[in-house]
Amino acid sequence: MSEAVGDDDRDLVDPRRLDASAHLVRAQGLSDADVDEITDLFHALRRWHRTSAAHSEASRRYMRLGENDMRAIRYVMSAGRDGAIVTSTMIAEHLGITGPSVTKLLDRLEHAGHIRRERHPRDRRSLSIVVTDETRAQATASVGADHARRYAVAAALSPEERRAATKFLSLLADLPVVEHLAHEPLREDRASWGRSHSATGPGSTVKSGCGTGRRA
């Protein structure tokens, strides 16, 4: 990426350039140095989102799998490592898909040699799902290697830095989802939003404008 493109991308997260957040800079009396640090933080977060997506796409290309295929294999490997006997129902719940959809997914993975259906040791009505040795080795060489590099970055941080990063990401993850209604004007009552945010927890949904909030 050229420096010019990188600077343009950074400008997209500069709160001084966004109508919705420019007032916060003024209201909170933030210095240019403070805003530059905040901008650097969100720019780094955007870069990580892109890099993470590129890592996942590279692993899927290597293994010739779709996104849900890869998620299913990772889940079976992880659950199996803990001693769980994985069934198609468990995979469907993990992926959030229907029974017929998970059956098609498993048929595809079995045909490609990624998984085996075996007799369940405790429930004769069910089959257990097992990842083949070859696919396990491929996943370890791709996804596993990427995870190891990420863990190495986290391990190189000080405990204080890790706690600060965890706090920041957790606070972002706890923000309620706002349903922006298309027919309403683009406005936001910041004081009202602050009260609704403090009254809701992780995974909450708040409607923008009139109406009551609902949990997703």
Protein backbone atom coordinates (compact mmCIF):
# COMPACT_ATOMS: atom_id res chain seq x y z
CA MET A 1 0.00 0.00 0.00
CA SER A 2 1.37 3.40 -0.95
CA GLU A 3 1.85 6.08 1.67
CA ALA A 4 -0.80 8.27 0.00
CA VAL A 5 -3.40 5.51 0.14
CA GLY A 6 -2.48 4.75 3.74
CA ASP A 7 -2.93 8.42 4.71
CA ASP A 8 -6.33 8.55 2.96
CA ASP A 9 -7.41 5.41 4.81
CA ARG A 10 -6.32 6.89 8.13
CA ASP A 11 -8.37 10.01 7.41
CA LEU A 12 -11.50 7.83 7.30
CA VAL A 13 -11.24 7.22 11.06
CA ASP A 14 -10.10 10.70 12.10
CA PRO A 15 -12.95 11.96 14.35
CA ARG A 16 -12.21 15.55 13.33
CA ARG A 17 -13.29 14.66 9.77
CA LEU A 18 -16.55 12.94 10.73
CA ASP A 19 -19.70 14.96 11.46
CA ALA A 20 -20.95 12.43 14.00
CA SER A 21 -17.83 12.58 16.17
CA ALA A 22 -16.32 16.00 15.52
CA HIS A 23 -18.43 17.48 18.34
CA LEU A 24 -16.86 15.01 20.80
CA VAL A 25 -13.44 16.44 20.09
CA ARG A 26 -14.71 19.90 20.94
CA ALA A 27 -16.91 18.86 23.88
CA GLN A 28 -14.19 16.83 25.58
CA GLY A 29 -11.46 19.35 24.93
CA LEU A 30 -9.20 16.78 23.30
CA SER A 31 -5.84 18.02 22.13
CA ASP A 32 -4.53 17.29 18.64
CA ALA A 33 -2.10 14.82 20.21
CA ASP A 34 -4.98 12.99 21.91
CA VAL A 35 -6.97 12.82 18.68
CA ASP A 36 -3.94 11.63 16.73
CA GLU A 37 -3.46 8.77 19.22
CA ILE A 38 -7.15 7.82 18.96
CA THR A 39 -6.97 7.96 15.18
CA ASP A 40 -3.85 5.78 15.16
CA LEU A 41 -5.66 3.28 17.39
CA PHE A 42 -8.68 2.92 15.12
CA HIS A 43 -6.52 2.94 12.01
CA ALA A 44 -4.54 0.04 13.46
CA LEU A 45 -7.81 -1.74 14.26
CA ARG A 46 -8.99 -1.32 10.65
CA ARG A 47 -5.66 -2.65 9.39
CA TRP A 48 -6.01 -5.70 11.67
CA HIS A 49 -9.55 -6.38 10.40
CA ARG A 50 -8.24 -6.44 6.83
CA THR A 51 -5.22 -8.53 7.74
CA SER A 52 -7.30 -11.03 9.71
CA ALA A 53 -9.70 -11.41 6.78
CA ALA A 54 -6.74 -11.92 4.42
CA HIS A 55 -5.27 -14.61 6.71
CA SER A 56 -8.60 -16.44 6.81
CA GLU A 57 -9.01 -16.21 3.05
CA ALA A 58 -5.49 -17.54 2.49
CA SER A 59 -6.23 -20.53 4.75
CA ARG A 60 -9.48 -21.24 2.92
CA ARG A 61 -7.71 -21.09 -0.45
CA TYR A 62 -5.01 -23.44 0.82
CA MET A 63 -7.58 -25.95 2.04
CA ARG A 64 -10.09 -25.22 -0.75
CA LEU A 65 -12.90 -24.66 1.72
CA GLY A 66 -15.71 -22.16 2.18
CA GLU A 67 -16.07 -20.06 5.32
CA ASN A 68 -18.62 -22.32 7.04
CA ASP A 69 -16.64 -25.40 5.98
CA MET A 70 -13.55 -24.03 7.70
CA ARG A 71 -15.50 -23.01 10.80
CA ALA A 72 -17.01 -26.48 11.06
CA ILE A 73 -13.61 -28.17 10.83
CA ARG A 74 -12.08 -25.85 13.41
CA TYR A 75 -15.00 -26.49 15.75
CA VAL A 76 -14.77 -30.27 15.42
CA MET A 77 -11.01 -30.15 16.03
CA SER A 78 -11.34 -27.87 19.05
CA ALA A 79 -14.22 -29.77 20.64
CA GLY A 80 -12.56 -33.11 19.97
CA ARG A 81 -9.39 -31.91 21.67
CA ASP A 82 -11.48 -31.40 24.82
CA GLY A 83 -12.80 -34.94 24.56
CA ALA A 84 -16.25 -34.03 23.21
CA ILE A 85 -18.02 -36.33 20.76
CA VAL A 86 -19.21 -33.96 18.05
CA THR A 87 -22.52 -34.51 16.27
CA SER A 88 -24.15 -32.79 13.32
CA THR A 89 -26.59 -31.10 15.70
CA MET A 90 -23.72 -29.54 17.63
CA ILE A 91 -22.15 -28.26 14.41
CA ALA A 92 -25.47 -26.80 13.25
CA GLU A 93 -25.87 -24.95 16.56
CA HIS A 94 -22.30 -23.65 16.40
CA LEU A 95 -22.72 -22.36 12.84
CA GLY A 96 -26.30 -21.16 13.32
CA ILE A 97 -27.62 -23.16 10.37
CA THR A 98 -30.47 -25.62 9.89
CA GLY A 99 -30.31 -29.41 10.01
CA PRO A 100 -30.67 -29.85 6.22
CA SER A 101 -27.95 -27.23 5.64
CA VAL A 102 -25.48 -28.93 7.98
CA THR A 103 -26.23 -32.28 6.32
CA LYS A 104 -25.27 -30.81 2.92
CA LEU A 105 -22.15 -29.24 4.45
CA LEU A 106 -21.05 -32.53 6.00
CA ASP A 107 -21.81 -34.45 2.80
CA ARG A 108 -19.54 -32.04 0.95
CA LEU A 109 -16.75 -32.29 3.53
CA GLU A 110 -16.96 -36.08 3.66
CA HIS A 111 -16.88 -36.38 -0.13
CA ALA A 112 -13.74 -34.19 -0.19
CA GLY A 113 -12.08 -36.38 2.45
CA HIS A 114 -12.06 -33.77 5.24
CA ILE A 115 -14.29 -35.56 7.77
CA ARG A 116 -15.60 -39.01 8.60
CA ARG A 117 -18.97 -39.99 10.04
CA GLU A 118 -18.50 -42.68 12.67
CA ARG A 119 -20.84 -44.60 14.94
CA HIS A 120 -21.54 -42.67 18.12
CA PRO A 121 -20.10 -44.64 21.07
CA ARG A 122 -23.04 -43.88 23.37
CA ASP A 123 -26.01 -43.09 21.12
CA ARG A 124 -26.80 -45.62 18.42
CA ARG A 125 -29.19 -43.14 16.76
CA SER A 126 -26.41 -40.60 16.15
CA LEU A 127 -23.16 -40.39 14.25
CA SER A 128 -20.05 -38.64 15.46
CA ILE A 129 -18.05 -36.32 13.20
CA VAL A 130 -14.26 -36.72 13.07
CA VAL A 131 -11.73 -34.67 11.10
CA THR A 132 -9.38 -36.81 9.01
CA ASP A 133 -5.67 -36.88 9.81
CA GLU A 134 -4.74 -35.24 6.50
CA THR A 135 -7.14 -32.33 7.01
CA ARG A 136 -6.03 -31.94 10.62
CA ALA A 137 -2.43 -31.60 9.41
CA GLN A 138 -3.45 -29.05 6.76
CA ALA A 139 -5.41 -26.99 9.28
CA THR A 140 -2.50 -27.04 11.70
CA ALA A 141 -0.12 -25.88 8.97
CA SER A 142 -2.37 -22.99 7.97
CA VAL A 143 -4.81 -21.79 10.63
CA GLY A 144 -2.70 -23.14 13.47
CA ALA A 145 0.42 -21.41 12.20
CA ASP A 146 -1.45 -18.09 11.91
CA HIS A 147 -2.74 -18.41 15.48
CA ALA A 148 0.76 -19.15 16.73
CA ARG A 149 2.07 -15.95 15.14
CA ARG A 150 -0.74 -13.93 16.72
CA TYR A 151 -0.12 -15.43 20.14
CA ALA A 152 3.57 -14.58 19.80
CA VAL A 153 2.64 -10.91 19.28
CA ALA A 154 0.44 -10.95 22.39
CA ALA A 155 3.11 -12.75 24.41
CA ALA A 156 5.63 -10.03 23.52
CA LEU A 157 3.45 -7.37 25.18
CA SER A 158 3.74 -6.49 28.84
CA PRO A 159 0.90 -7.57 31.17
CA GLU A 160 -0.21 -3.93 31.38
CA GLU A 161 -0.33 -3.63 27.59
CA ARG A 162 -2.34 -6.84 27.27
CA ARG A 163 -4.82 -5.68 29.92
CA ALA A 164 -5.21 -2.30 28.18
CA ALA A 165 -5.78 -3.97 24.80
CA THR A 166 -8.29 -6.38 26.32
CA LYS A 167 -10.15 -3.56 28.04
CA PHE A 168 -10.37 -1.51 24.83
CA LEU A 169 -11.57 -4.41 22.67
CA SER A 170 -14.03 -5.58 25.33
CA LEU A 171 -15.56 -2.10 25.62
CA LEU A 172 -16.00 -1.99 21.83
CA ALA A 173 -17.55 -5.46 21.81
CA ASP A 174 -19.99 -4.43 24.58
CA LEU A 175 -21.39 -1.47 22.61
CA PRO A 176 -25.09 -2.05 21.84
CA VAL A 177 -26.09 -2.53 18.23
CA VAL A 178 -28.12 0.46 17.00
CA GLU A 179 -30.87 -0.18 14.46
CA HIS A 180 -30.74 2.90 12.21
CA LEU A 181 -34.22 3.30 10.74
CA ALA A 182 -34.09 4.46 7.14
CA HIS A 183 -37.14 6.73 7.38
CA GLU A 184 -35.80 8.71 10.32
CA PRO A 185 -33.49 11.72 9.98
CA LEU A 186 -29.82 11.07 10.64
CA ARG A 187 -29.56 12.57 14.11
CA GLU A 188 -28.54 11.33 17.52
CA ASP A 189 -29.40 12.55 20.99
CA ARG A 190 -26.03 11.90 22.67
CA ALA A 191 -27.36 12.26 26.21
CA SER A 192 -30.18 9.79 25.51
CA TRP A 193 -27.74 7.38 23.86
CA GLY A 194 -25.48 7.55 26.89
CA ARG A 195 -28.36 6.66 29.23
CA SER A 196 -29.52 3.80 27.01
CA HIS A 197 -25.96 2.49 26.71
CA SER A 198 -25.47 2.45 30.47
CA ALA A 199 -28.77 0.58 30.85
CA THR A 200 -27.96 -2.12 28.33
CA GLY A 201 -25.40 -4.85 28.31
CA PRO A 202 -23.36 -6.74 25.71
CA GLY A 203 -25.32 -7.83 22.68
CA SER A 204 -28.11 -5.31 23.30
CA THR A 205 -29.83 -3.54 20.43
CA VAL A 206 -30.98 0.06 20.65
CA LYS A 207 -33.17 1.73 18.05
CA SER A 208 -31.99 5.08 16.79
CA GLY A 209 -34.69 7.70 17.25
CA CYS A 210 -38.13 6.85 18.60
CA GLY A 211 -39.09 3.51 20.02
CA THR A 212 -37.77 1.20 22.67
CA GLY A 213 -34.62 -0.82 22.60
CA ARG A 214 -34.76 -4.54 22.05
CA ARG A 215 -32.23 -7.22 22.78
CA ALA A 216 -30.79 -8.94 19.72
